[in-house]
C-alpha atoms as a PDB file:
ATOM      1  CA  MET A   1     -48.148  66.053  -6.364  1.00  0.00           C
ATOM      2  CA  HIS A   2     -45.051  64.695  -4.641  1.00  0.00           C
ATOM      3  CA  THR A   3     -47.099  61.947  -2.977  1.00  0.00           C
ATOM      4  CA  ALA A   4     -48.899  61.123  -6.246  1.00  0.00           C
ATOM      5  CA  ALA A   5     -45.585  60.911  -8.102  1.00  0.00           C
ATOM      6  CA  HIS A   6     -44.197  58.608  -5.414  1.00  0.00           C
ATOM      7  CA  GLU A   7     -47.149  56.305  -5.873  1.00  0.00           C
ATOM      8  CA  GLU A   8     -46.747  56.303  -9.646  1.00  0.00           C
ATOM      9  CA  CYS A   9     -42.986  55.678  -9.440  1.00  0.00           C
ATOM     10  CA  TYR A  10     -42.802  53.269  -6.518  1.00  0.00           C
ATOM     11  CA  GLY A  11     -46.213  51.584  -6.642  1.00  0.00           C
ATOM     12  CA  HIS A  12     -44.614  48.313  -7.729  1.00  0.00           C
ATOM     13  CA  LEU A  13     -42.143  48.416  -4.822  1.00  0.00           C
ATOM     14  CA  LEU A  14     -44.330  49.356  -1.860  1.00  0.00           C
ATOM     15  CA  PRO A  15     -47.767  48.235  -0.622  1.00  0.00           C
ATOM     16  CA  SER A  16     -50.826  50.437  -1.173  1.00  0.00           C
ATOM     17  CA  PRO A  17     -51.338  51.041   2.606  1.00  0.00           C
ATOM     18  CA  PHE A  18     -47.967  52.822   2.597  1.00  0.00           C
ATOM     19  CA  PHE A  19     -49.274  55.344   0.048  1.00  0.00           C
ATOM     20  CA  ALA A  20     -52.612  55.706   1.844  1.00  0.00           C
ATOM     21  CA  SER A  21     -50.673  56.574   4.992  1.00  0.00           C
ATOM     22  CA  ARG A  22     -48.606  59.127   3.042  1.00  0.00           C
ATOM     23  CA  ARG A  23     -51.761  60.784   1.683  1.00  0.00           C
ATOM     24  CA  ASN A  24     -53.281  60.904   5.179  1.00  0.00           C
ATOM     25  CA  SER A  25     -50.183  62.487   6.722  1.00  0.00           C
ATOM     26  CA  ILE A  26     -49.431  65.269   4.225  1.00  0.00           C
ATOM     27  CA  THR A  27     -49.962  68.086   6.756  1.00  0.00           C
ATOM     28  CA  GLU A  28     -47.774  66.366   9.356  1.00  0.00           C
ATOM     29  CA  ARG A  29     -45.010  65.706   6.801  1.00  0.00           C
ATOM     30  CA  VAL A  30     -45.075  69.321   5.606  1.00  0.00           C
ATOM     31  CA  ASN A  31     -44.679  70.479   9.216  1.00  0.00           C
ATOM     32  CA  GLN A  32     -41.776  68.049   9.753  1.00  0.00           C
ATOM     33  CA  ARG A  33     -40.074  69.331   6.607  1.00  0.00           C
ATOM     34  CA  ARG A  34     -40.647  73.004   7.372  1.00  0.00           C
ATOM     35  CA  PRO A  35     -36.924  73.724   8.011  1.00  0.00           C
ATOM     36  CA  PHE A  36     -36.085  72.229   4.610  1.00  0.00           C
ATOM     37  CA  LEU A  37     -38.975  74.016   2.908  1.00  0.00           C
ATOM     38  CA  ASP A  38     -37.847  77.296   4.442  1.00  0.00           C
ATOM     39  CA  SER A  39     -34.221  76.858   3.325  1.00  0.00           C
ATOM     40  CA  LYS A  40     -32.702  78.894   0.522  1.00  0.00           C
ATOM     41  CA  ASP A  41     -31.941  75.822  -1.631  1.00  0.00           C
ATOM     42  CA  PRO A  42     -33.847  76.234  -4.898  1.00  0.00           C
ATOM     43  CA  ARG A  43     -37.038  74.305  -5.444  1.00  0.00           C
ATOM     44  CA  LEU A  44     -38.649  74.164  -8.836  1.00  0.00           C
ATOM     45  CA  VAL A  45     -42.316  73.544  -9.482  1.00  0.00           C
ATOM     46  CA  ALA A  46     -43.722  72.900 -12.958  1.00  0.00           C
ATOM     47  CA  HIS A  47     -47.364  73.550 -13.826  1.00  0.00           C
ATOM     48  CA  ASP A  48     -49.394  72.421 -16.821  1.00  0.00           C
ATOM     49  CA  GLU A  49     -51.583  74.789 -18.885  1.00  0.00           C
ATOM     50  CA  ALA A  50     -54.398  74.476 -16.320  1.00  0.00           C
ATOM     51  CA  GLY A  51     -52.101  75.453 -13.450  1.00  0.00           C
ATOM     52  CA  THR A  52     -51.903  71.939 -11.983  1.00  0.00           C
ATOM     53  CA  VAL A  53     -48.515  70.976 -10.554  1.00  0.00           C
ATOM     54  CA  VAL A  54     -47.015  68.191 -12.693  1.00  0.00           C
ATOM     55  CA  GLY A  55     -43.358  68.269 -11.677  1.00  0.00           C
ATOM     56  CA  VAL A  56     -40.949  69.230  -8.919  1.00  0.00           C
ATOM     57  CA  ALA A  57     -37.187  69.286  -8.532  1.00  0.00           C
ATOM     58  CA  ASN A  58     -34.644  70.590  -6.098  1.00  0.00           C
ATOM     59  CA  ALA A  59     -30.913  70.418  -5.527  1.00  0.00           C
ATOM     60  CA  GLY A  60     -28.453  71.703  -2.994  1.00  0.00           C
ATOM     61  CA  PRO A  61     -25.295  70.863  -1.096  1.00  0.00           C
ATOM     62  CA  GLY A  62     -24.344  67.202  -1.227  1.00  0.00           C
ATOM     63  CA  ARG A  63     -25.099  65.157   1.872  1.00  0.00           C
ATOM     64  CA  ASP A  64     -22.572  62.353   1.285  1.00  0.00           C
ATOM     65  CA  PRO A  65     -19.425  62.925   3.377  1.00  0.00           C
ATOM     66  CA  ASP A  66     -17.250  61.155   0.796  1.00  0.00           C
ATOM     67  CA  ARG A  67     -18.408  63.603  -1.889  1.00  0.00           C
ATOM     68  CA  ALA A  68     -17.931  66.860  -0.016  1.00  0.00           C
ATOM     69  CA  GLY A  69     -18.373  69.927  -2.165  1.00  0.00           C
ATOM     70  CA  ILE A  70     -20.327  68.146  -4.918  1.00  0.00           C
ATOM     71  CA  PRO A  71     -23.975  69.254  -5.194  1.00  0.00           C
ATOM     72  CA  GLU A  72     -26.812  66.734  -4.995  1.00  0.00           C
ATOM     73  CA  LEU A  73     -30.041  66.509  -6.950  1.00  0.00           C
ATOM     74  CA  TYR A  74     -32.340  65.793  -4.030  1.00  0.00           C
ATOM     75  CA  ARG A  75     -35.453  65.052  -6.015  1.00  0.00           C
ATOM     76  CA  ILE A  76     -37.027  65.282  -9.392  1.00  0.00           C
ATOM     77  CA  TYR A  77     -40.509  63.953  -9.959  1.00  0.00           C
ATOM     78  CA  THR A  78     -43.000  64.369 -12.741  1.00  0.00           C
ATOM     79  CA  LEU A  79     -46.433  62.854 -12.940  1.00  0.00           C
ATOM     80  CA  SER A  80     -46.633  60.037 -15.460  1.00  0.00           C
ATOM     81  CA  ARG A  81     -48.797  62.139 -17.778  1.00  0.00           C
ATOM     82  CA  ALA A  82     -45.755  64.417 -18.247  1.00  0.00           C
ATOM     83  CA  HIS A  83     -43.329  61.576 -19.006  1.00  0.00           C
ATOM     84  CA  GLY A  84     -41.735  61.898 -22.428  1.00  0.00           C
ATOM     85  CA  SER A  85     -42.667  65.587 -22.689  1.00  0.00           C
ATOM     86  CA  GLY A  86     -39.190  66.963 -22.010  1.00  0.00           C
ATOM     87  CA  LEU A  87     -40.282  68.386 -18.651  1.00  0.00           C
ATOM     88  CA  GLY A  88     -37.801  66.227 -16.726  1.00  0.00           C
ATOM     89  CA  ALA A  89     -34.908  67.491 -18.828  1.00  0.00           C
ATOM     90  CA  GLN A  90     -36.068  71.077 -18.300  1.00  0.00           C
ATOM     91  CA  LEU A  91     -36.253  70.543 -14.536  1.00  0.00           C
ATOM     92  CA  ILE A  92     -32.733  69.057 -14.481  1.00  0.00           C
ATOM     93  CA  GLU A  93     -31.401  71.971 -16.529  1.00  0.00           C
ATOM     94  CA  ALA A  94     -33.050  74.490 -14.219  1.00  0.00           C
ATOM     95  CA  ALA A  95     -31.963  72.679 -11.024  1.00  0.00           C
ATOM     96  CA  ILE A  96     -28.329  71.919 -11.827  1.00  0.00           C
ATOM     97  CA  GLY A  97     -27.454  72.993 -15.377  1.00  0.00           C
ATOM     98  CA  ASP A  98     -24.076  71.512 -16.349  1.00  0.00           C
ATOM     99  CA  THR A  99     -22.789  71.290 -12.772  1.00  0.00           C
ATOM    100  CA  PRO A 100     -21.388  67.857 -11.849  1.00  0.00           C
ATOM    101  CA  THR A 101     -23.968  66.528  -9.412  1.00  0.00           C
ATOM    102  CA  ASN A 102     -24.749  63.390  -7.422  1.00  0.00           C
ATOM    103  CA  LEU A 103     -28.102  61.724  -6.974  1.00  0.00           C
ATOM    104  CA  TRP A 104     -29.504  58.541  -5.501  1.00  0.00           C
ATOM    105  CA  VAL A 105     -32.013  56.387  -7.389  1.00  0.00           C
ATOM    106  CA  PHE A 106     -33.721  53.104  -6.587  1.00  0.00           C
ATOM    107  CA  GLU A 107     -32.305  50.184  -8.552  1.00  0.00           C
ATOM    108  CA  ASP A 108     -35.690  48.774  -9.549  1.00  0.00           C
ATOM    109  CA  ILE A 109     -36.976  51.778 -11.494  1.00  0.00           C
ATOM    110  CA  PRO A 110     -35.702  51.231 -15.049  1.00  0.00           C
ATOM    111  CA  ARG A 111     -37.470  54.274 -16.521  1.00  0.00           C
ATOM    112  CA  ALA A 112     -35.844  56.646 -14.018  1.00  0.00           C
ATOM    113  CA  ARG A 113     -32.437  55.035 -14.446  1.00  0.00           C
ATOM    114  CA  ALA A 114     -32.705  55.389 -18.243  1.00  0.00           C
ATOM    115  CA  PHE A 115     -33.759  59.024 -17.849  1.00  0.00           C
ATOM    116  CA  TYR A 116     -30.788  59.797 -15.604  1.00  0.00           C
ATOM    117  CA  GLN A 117     -28.390  58.051 -17.980  1.00  0.00           C
ATOM    118  CA  LYS A 118     -29.796  60.053 -20.900  1.00  0.00           C
ATOM    119  CA  SER A 119     -29.315  63.174 -18.747  1.00  0.00           C
ATOM    120  CA  GLY A 120     -25.598  62.406 -18.329  1.00  0.00           C
ATOM    121  CA  PHE A 121     -25.578  60.585 -14.997  1.00  0.00           C
ATOM    122  CA  SER A 122     -23.875  57.212 -14.601  1.00  0.00           C
ATOM    123  CA  PRO A 123     -23.849  54.702 -11.724  1.00  0.00           C
ATOM    124  CA  ASP A 124     -20.815  54.911  -9.485  1.00  0.00           C
ATOM    125  CA  GLY A 125     -21.432  51.557  -7.793  1.00  0.00           C
ATOM    126  CA  ALA A 126     -22.424  53.010  -4.423  1.00  0.00           C
ATOM    127  CA  GLN A 127     -25.416  51.372  -2.771  1.00  0.00           C
ATOM    128  CA  ALA A 128     -27.457  52.193   0.304  1.00  0.00           C
ATOM    129  CA  VAL A 129     -30.562  50.919   2.015  1.00  0.00           C
ATOM    130  CA  ALA A 130     -33.413  53.439   2.011  1.00  0.00           C
ATOM    131  CA  THR A 131     -34.678  54.337   5.436  1.00  0.00           C
END
């Protein structure tokens, strides 16, 4: 689901071989992320009526040294078929509630930026290059 959501969100930014590689390396990436997956930071998974995963979110301690002590929303993804359903807002509420929180978002994803603004986030002017 995470890989599918990446492709739906970032398909206009990255070439299709990138996503094919991601799909082919799911087991390897899960093994690399095992320490994170085994951590106590909450991870939320949303299912549709058929039991298919349609959304994920997780938050935890902030990773930016200049924002020590402020939590970070690490990820929130929903499949496009869940967009506009309110699921994203429910995931944000469950992940962070009203806690002041940081997040990073790509500049060239207007839908996500509008969603975050509607959810109370605002740009702080910080920029970084994704690695």
